[in-house]
PDB file of all heavy atoms in Angstrom:
ATOM      1  N   VAL A   1       0.837  -1.197   0.000  1.00  0.00           N
ATOM      2  CA  VAL A   1       0.000   0.000   0.000  1.00  0.00           C
ATOM      3  C   VAL A   1       0.873   1.248   0.000  1.00  0.00           C
ATOM      4  O   VAL A   1       0.612   2.218  -0.723  1.00  0.00           O
ATOM      5  CB  VAL A   1      -0.960  -0.016   1.209  1.00  0.00           C
ATOM      6  CG1 VAL A   1      -1.666   1.318   1.371  1.00  0.00           C
ATOM      7  CG2 VAL A   1      -1.990  -1.141   1.043  1.00  0.00           C
ATOM      8  N   LEU A   2       1.939   1.249   0.817  1.00  0.00           N
ATOM      9  CA  LEU A   2       2.862   2.389   0.881  1.00  0.00           C
ATOM     10  C   LEU A   2       3.466   2.678  -0.492  1.00  0.00           C
ATOM     11  O   LEU A   2       3.540   3.839  -0.918  1.00  0.00           O
ATOM     12  CB  LEU A   2       3.949   2.102   1.916  1.00  0.00           C
ATOM     13  CG  LEU A   2       5.032   3.162   2.135  1.00  0.00           C
ATOM     14  CD1 LEU A   2       5.526   3.122   3.583  1.00  0.00           C
ATOM     15  CD2 LEU A   2       6.223   2.980   1.203  1.00  0.00           C
ATOM     16  N   LEU A   3       3.873   1.646  -1.189  1.00  0.00           N
ATOM     17  CA  LEU A   3       4.458   1.848  -2.521  1.00  0.00           C
ATOM     18  C   LEU A   3       3.436   2.476  -3.471  1.00  0.00           C
ATOM     19  O   LEU A   3       3.776   3.312  -4.313  1.00  0.00           O
ATOM     20  CB  LEU A   3       4.959   0.518  -3.076  1.00  0.00           C
ATOM     21  CG  LEU A   3       6.175  -0.088  -2.368  1.00  0.00           C
ATOM     22  CD1 LEU A   3       6.449  -1.495  -2.898  1.00  0.00           C
ATOM     23  CD2 LEU A   3       7.408   0.797  -2.548  1.00  0.00           C
ATOM     24  N   GLY A   4       2.185   2.080  -3.337  1.00  0.00           N
ATOM     25  CA  GLY A   4       1.150   2.682  -4.173  1.00  0.00           C
ATOM     26  C   GLY A   4       0.907   4.144  -3.861  1.00  0.00           C
ATOM     27  O   GLY A   4       0.654   4.949  -4.766  1.00  0.00           O
ATOM     28  N   TRP A   5       1.012   4.519  -2.568  1.00  0.00           N
ATOM     29  CA  TRP A   5       0.779   5.914  -2.201  1.00  0.00           C
ATOM     30  C   TRP A   5       1.813   6.859  -2.813  1.00  0.00           C
ATOM     31  O   TRP A   5       1.552   8.053  -2.954  1.00  0.00           O
ATOM     32  CB  TRP A   5       0.771   6.082  -0.682  1.00  0.00           C
ATOM     33  CG  TRP A   5      -0.409   5.514   0.037  1.00  0.00           C
ATOM     34  CD1 TRP A   5      -0.397   4.802   1.201  1.00  0.00           C
ATOM     35  CD2 TRP A   5      -1.800   5.622  -0.318  1.00  0.00           C
ATOM     36  NE1 TRP A   5      -1.670   4.445   1.586  1.00  0.00           N
ATOM     37  CE2 TRP A   5      -2.558   4.950   0.666  1.00  0.00           C
ATOM     38  CE3 TRP A   5      -2.470   6.209  -1.388  1.00  0.00           C
ATOM     39  CZ2 TRP A   5      -3.949   4.855   0.632  1.00  0.00           C
ATOM     40  CZ3 TRP A   5      -3.868   6.118  -1.433  1.00  0.00           C
ATOM     41  CH2 TRP A   5      -4.581   5.456  -0.438  1.00  0.00           C
ATOM     42  N   VAL A   6       2.984   6.349  -3.173  1.00  0.00           N
ATOM     43  CA  VAL A   6       3.978   7.199  -3.847  1.00  0.00           C
ATOM     44  C   VAL A   6       3.412   7.714  -5.165  1.00  0.00           C
ATOM     45  O   VAL A   6       3.515   8.899  -5.491  1.00  0.00           O
ATOM     46  CB  VAL A   6       5.288   6.421  -4.071  1.00  0.00           C
ATOM     47  CG1 VAL A   6       6.257   7.225  -4.948  1.00  0.00           C
ATOM     48  CG2 VAL A   6       5.947   6.083  -2.740  1.00  0.00           C
ATOM     49  N   LEU A   7       2.793   6.838  -5.937  1.00  0.00           N
ATOM     50  CA  LEU A   7       2.132   7.256  -7.181  1.00  0.00           C
ATOM     51  C   LEU A   7       0.999   8.232  -6.896  1.00  0.00           C
ATOM     52  O   LEU A   7       0.811   9.214  -7.620  1.00  0.00           O
ATOM     53  CB  LEU A   7       1.571   6.036  -7.911  1.00  0.00           C
ATOM     54  CG  LEU A   7       2.440   5.329  -8.932  1.00  0.00           C
ATOM     55  CD1 LEU A   7       1.725   4.080  -9.440  1.00  0.00           C
ATOM     56  CD2 LEU A   7       2.779   6.245 -10.101  1.00  0.00           C
ATOM     57  N   PHE A   8       0.239   7.951  -5.871  1.00  0.00           N
ATOM     58  CA  PHE A   8      -0.928   8.757  -5.536  1.00  0.00           C
ATOM     59  C   PHE A   8      -0.530  10.190  -5.186  1.00  0.00           C
ATOM     60  O   PHE A   8      -1.219  11.143  -5.537  1.00  0.00           O
ATOM     61  CB  PHE A   8      -1.636   8.101  -4.345  1.00  0.00           C
ATOM     62  CG  PHE A   8      -3.013   8.622  -4.058  1.00  0.00           C
ATOM     63  CD1 PHE A   8      -4.117   8.119  -4.724  1.00  0.00           C
ATOM     64  CD2 PHE A   8      -3.227   9.587  -3.090  1.00  0.00           C
ATOM     65  CE1 PHE A   8      -5.396   8.565  -4.447  1.00  0.00           C
ATOM     66  CE2 PHE A   8      -4.492  10.054  -2.788  1.00  0.00           C
ATOM     67  CZ  PHE A   8      -5.584   9.540  -3.481  1.00  0.00           C
ATOM     68  N   ARG A   9       0.606  10.363  -4.505  1.00  0.00           N
ATOM     69  CA  ARG A   9       1.029  11.679  -4.024  1.00  0.00           C
ATOM     70  C   ARG A   9       1.905  12.437  -5.016  1.00  0.00           C
ATOM     71  O   ARG A   9       1.889  13.678  -5.052  1.00  0.00           O
ATOM     72  CB  ARG A   9       1.778  11.506  -2.693  1.00  0.00           C
ATOM     73  CG  ARG A   9       2.464  12.758  -2.145  1.00  0.00           C
ATOM     74  CD  ARG A   9       1.464  13.853  -1.835  1.00  0.00           C
ATOM     75  NE  ARG A   9       2.098  14.993  -1.177  1.00  0.00           N
ATOM     76  CZ  ARG A   9       2.771  15.964  -1.821  1.00  0.00           C
ATOM     77  NH1 ARG A   9       2.910  15.908  -3.138  1.00  0.00           N
ATOM     78  NH2 ARG A   9       3.292  16.962  -1.138  1.00  0.00           N
ATOM     79  N   ALA A  10       2.691  11.738  -5.815  1.00  0.00           N
ATOM     80  CA  ALA A  10       3.649  12.394  -6.706  1.00  0.00           C
ATOM     81  C   ALA A  10       2.930  13.291  -7.712  1.00  0.00           C
ATOM     82  O   ALA A  10       1.839  12.959  -8.196  1.00  0.00           O
ATOM     83  CB  ALA A  10       4.473  11.352  -7.446  1.00  0.00           C
ATOM     84  N   VAL A  11       3.543  14.442  -8.040  1.00  0.00           N
ATOM     85  CA  VAL A  11       2.904  15.385  -8.953  1.00  0.00           C
ATOM     86  C   VAL A  11       2.878  14.863 -10.382  1.00  0.00           C
ATOM     87  O   VAL A  11       2.024  15.257 -11.181  1.00  0.00           O
ATOM     88  CB  VAL A  11       3.604  16.760  -8.910  1.00  0.00           C
ATOM     89  CG1 VAL A  11       3.444  17.393  -7.549  1.00  0.00           C
ATOM     90  CG2 VAL A  11       5.080  16.644  -9.276  1.00  0.00           C
ATOM     91  N   ASP A  12       3.809  14.003 -10.735  1.00  0.00           N
ATOM     92  CA  ASP A  12       3.823  13.420 -12.078  1.00  0.00           C
ATOM     93  C   ASP A  12       4.626  12.128 -12.042  1.00  0.00           C
ATOM     94  O   ASP A  12       5.204  11.755 -11.007  1.00  0.00           O
ATOM     95  CB  ASP A  12       4.385  14.395 -13.126  1.00  0.00           C
ATOM     96  CG  ASP A  12       5.758  14.941 -12.762  1.00  0.00           C
ATOM     97  OD1 ASP A  12       6.560  14.200 -12.162  1.00  0.00           O
ATOM     98  OD2 ASP A  12       6.026  16.112 -13.070  1.00  0.00           O
ATOM     99  N   LEU A  13       4.678  11.448 -13.169  1.00  0.00           N
ATOM    100  CA  LEU A  13       5.365  10.162 -13.225  1.00  0.00           C
ATOM    101  C   LEU A  13       6.865  10.302 -13.035  1.00  0.00           C
ATOM    102  O   LEU A  13       7.508   9.416 -12.455  1.00  0.00           O
ATOM    103  CB  LEU A  13       5.060   9.487 -14.568  1.00  0.00           C
ATOM    104  CG  LEU A  13       3.598   9.103 -14.803  1.00  0.00           C
ATOM    105  CD1 LEU A  13       3.417   8.497 -16.186  1.00  0.00           C
ATOM    106  CD2 LEU A  13       3.111   8.129 -13.736  1.00  0.00           C
ATOM    107  N   SER A  14       7.437  11.419 -13.503  1.00  0.00           N
ATOM    108  CA  SER A  14       8.875  11.627 -13.328  1.00  0.00           C
ATOM    109  C   SER A  14       9.233  11.738 -11.852  1.00  0.00           C
ATOM    110  O   SER A  14      10.220  11.150 -11.388  1.00  0.00           O
ATOM    111  CB  SER A  14       9.324  12.889 -14.075  1.00  0.00           C
ATOM    112  OG  SER A  14       9.121  12.759 -15.458  1.00  0.00           O
ATOM    113  N   ALA A  15       8.435  12.502 -11.095  1.00  0.00           N
ATOM    114  CA  ALA A  15       8.684  12.641  -9.664  1.00  0.00           C
ATOM    115  C   ALA A  15       8.529  11.300  -8.958  1.00  0.00           C
ATOM    116  O   ALA A  15       9.312  10.954  -8.064  1.00  0.00           O
ATOM    117  CB  ALA A  15       7.739  13.675  -9.066  1.00  0.00           C
ATOM    118  N   ALA A  16       7.515  10.527  -9.352  1.00  0.00           N
ATOM    119  CA  ALA A  16       7.331   9.205  -8.760  1.00  0.00           C
ATOM    120  C   ALA A  16       8.520   8.318  -9.058  1.00  0.00           C
ATOM    121  O   ALA A  16       9.010   7.589  -8.178  1.00  0.00           O
ATOM    122  CB  ALA A  16       6.045   8.573  -9.286  1.00  0.00           C
ATOM    123  N   GLY A  17       9.009   8.373 -10.291  1.00  0.00           N
ATOM    124  CA  GLY A  17      10.168   7.577 -10.667  1.00  0.00           C
ATOM    125  C   GLY A  17      11.401   7.940  -9.861  1.00  0.00           C
ATOM    126  O   GLY A  17      12.164   7.060  -9.441  1.00  0.00           O
ATOM    127  N   ARG A  18      11.623   9.239  -9.643  1.00  0.00           N
ATOM    128  CA  ARG A  18      12.778   9.656  -8.844  1.00  0.00           C
ATOM    129  C   ARG A  18      12.667   9.158  -7.406  1.00  0.00           C
ATOM    130  O   ARG A  18      13.663   8.741  -6.800  1.00  0.00           O
ATOM    131  CB  ARG A  18      12.906  11.182  -8.869  1.00  0.00           C
ATOM    132  CG  ARG A  18      13.586  11.721 -10.124  1.00  0.00           C
ATOM    133  CD  ARG A  18      13.897  13.197 -10.001  1.00  0.00           C
ATOM    134  NE  ARG A  18      12.695  14.020 -10.090  1.00  0.00           N
ATOM    135  CZ  ARG A  18      12.174  14.453 -11.239  1.00  0.00           C
ATOM    136  NH1 ARG A  18      12.748  14.143 -12.388  1.00  0.00           N
ATOM    137  NH2 ARG A  18      11.078  15.195 -11.245  1.00  0.00           N
ATOM    138  N   LEU A  19      11.451   9.203  -6.865  1.00  0.00           N
ATOM    139  CA  LEU A  19      11.283   8.756  -5.481  1.00  0.00           C
ATOM    140  C   LEU A  19      11.453   7.241  -5.374  1.00  0.00           C
ATOM    141  O   LEU A  19      12.097   6.746  -4.433  1.00  0.00           O
ATOM    142  CB  LEU A  19       9.908   9.176  -4.969  1.00  0.00           C
ATOM    143  CG  LEU A  19       9.730   9.184  -3.449  1.00  0.00           C
ATOM    144  CD1 LEU A  19      10.808  10.013  -2.771  1.00  0.00           C
ATOM    145  CD2 LEU A  19       8.368   9.721  -3.079  1.00  0.00           C
ATOM    146  N   TYR A  20      10.890   6.502  -6.316  1.00  0.00           N
ATOM    147  CA  TYR A  20      11.088   5.055  -6.311  1.00  0.00           C
ATOM    148  C   TYR A  20      12.565   4.717  -6.449  1.00  0.00           C
ATOM    149  O   TYR A  20      13.083   3.804  -5.786  1.00  0.00           O
ATOM    150  CB  TYR A  20      10.298   4.401  -7.441  1.00  0.00           C
ATOM    151  CG  TYR A  20       8.817   4.256  -7.179  1.00  0.00           C
ATOM    152  CD1 TYR A  20       7.874   4.645  -8.140  1.00  0.00           C
ATOM    153  CD2 TYR A  20       8.340   3.708  -5.995  1.00  0.00           C
ATOM    154  CE1 TYR A  20       6.513   4.507  -7.918  1.00  0.00           C
ATOM    155  CE2 TYR A  20       6.984   3.566  -5.763  1.00  0.00           C
ATOM    156  CZ  TYR A  20       6.076   3.964  -6.727  1.00  0.00           C
ATOM    157  OH  TYR A  20       4.726   3.816  -6.490  1.00  0.00           O
ATOM    158  N   GLY A  21      13.259   5.436  -7.315  1.00  0.00           N
ATOM    159  CA  GLY A  21      14.689   5.195  -7.487  1.00  0.00           C
ATOM    160  C   GLY A  21      15.462   5.430  -6.211  1.00  0.00           C
ATOM    161  O   GLY A  21      16.338   4.639  -5.835  1.00  0.00           O
ATOM    162  N   ALA A  22      15.124   6.500  -5.506  1.00  0.00           N
ATOM    163  CA  ALA A  22      15.800   6.789  -4.239  1.00  0.00           C
ATOM    164  C   ALA A  22      15.492   5.718  -3.204  1.00  0.00           C
ATOM    165  O   ALA A  22      16.368   5.319  -2.414  1.00  0.00           O
ATOM    166  CB  ALA A  22      15.377   8.159  -3.731  1.00  0.00           C
ATOM    167  N   MET A  23      14.261   5.215  -3.181  1.00  0.00           N
ATOM    168  CA  MET A  23      13.906   4.165  -2.233  1.00  0.00           C
ATOM    169  C   MET A  23      14.679   2.887  -2.496  1.00  0.00           C
ATOM    170  O   MET A  23      14.945   2.102  -1.573  1.00  0.00           O
ATOM    171  CB  MET A  23      12.393   3.904  -2.298  1.00  0.00           C
ATOM    172  CG  MET A  23      11.542   5.074  -1.820  1.00  0.00           C
ATOM    173  SD  MET A  23       9.768   4.894  -2.172  1.00  0.00           S
ATOM    174  CE  MET A  23       9.306   3.699  -0.907  1.00  0.00           C
ATOM    175  N   LEU A  24      15.072   2.679  -3.740  1.00  0.00           N
ATOM    176  CA  LEU A  24      15.863   1.499  -4.110  1.00  0.00           C
ATOM    177  C   LEU A  24      17.361   1.751  -4.021  1.00  0.00           C
ATOM    178  O   LEU A  24      18.167   0.883  -4.350  1.00  0.00           O
ATOM    179  CB  LEU A  24      15.499   1.052  -5.536  1.00  0.00           C
ATOM    180  CG  LEU A  24      14.078   0.526  -5.724  1.00  0.00           C
ATOM    181  CD1 LEU A  24      13.785   0.304  -7.203  1.00  0.00           C
ATOM    182  CD2 LEU A  24      13.881  -0.778  -4.944  1.00  0.00           C
ATOM    183  N   GLY A  25      17.745   2.953  -3.605  1.00  0.00           N
ATOM    184  CA  GLY A  25      19.153   3.276  -3.488  1.00  0.00           C
ATOM    185  C   GLY A  25      19.794   3.710  -4.784  1.00  0.00           C
ATOM    186  O   GLY A  25      21.030   3.692  -4.906  1.00  0.00           O
ATOM    187  N   LEU A  26      18.968   4.123  -5.744  1.00  0.00           N
ATOM    188  CA  LEU A  26      19.485   4.515  -7.061  1.00  0.00           C
ATOM    189  C   LEU A  26      19.543   6.025  -7.232  1.00  0.00           C
ATOM    190  O   LEU A  26      19.716   6.506  -8.343  1.00  0.00           O
ATOM    191  CB  LEU A  26      18.596   3.916  -8.163  1.00  0.00           C
ATOM    192  CG  LEU A  26      18.395   2.396  -8.108  1.00  0.00           C
ATOM    193  CD1 LEU A  26      17.439   1.947  -9.210  1.00  0.00           C
ATOM    194  CD2 LEU A  26      19.736   1.674  -8.234  1.00  0.00           C
ATOM    195  N   GLY A  27      19.393   6.772  -6.128  1.00  0.00           N
ATOM    196  CA  GLY A  27      19.343   8.228  -6.234  1.00  0.00           C
ATOM    197  C   GLY A  27      20.685   8.907  -6.213  1.00  0.00           C
ATOM    198  O   GLY A  27      20.782  10.125  -6.341  1.00  0.00           O
ATOM    199  N   GLY A  28      21.744   8.157  -6.007  1.00  0.00           N
ATOM    200  CA  GLY A  28      23.072   8.756  -6.053  1.00  0.00           C
ATOM    201  C   GLY A  28      23.458   9.522  -4.804  1.00  0.00           C
ATOM    202  O   GLY A  28      24.342  10.359  -4.832  1.00  0.00           O
TER     203      GLY A  28
END
């Protein structure tokens, strides 16, 4: 459910992608 709320809250798909990437340790 938490992972789904990232999509729900993000302003667009790019922002959601950046947040998912950071959660996976891919944010640099």
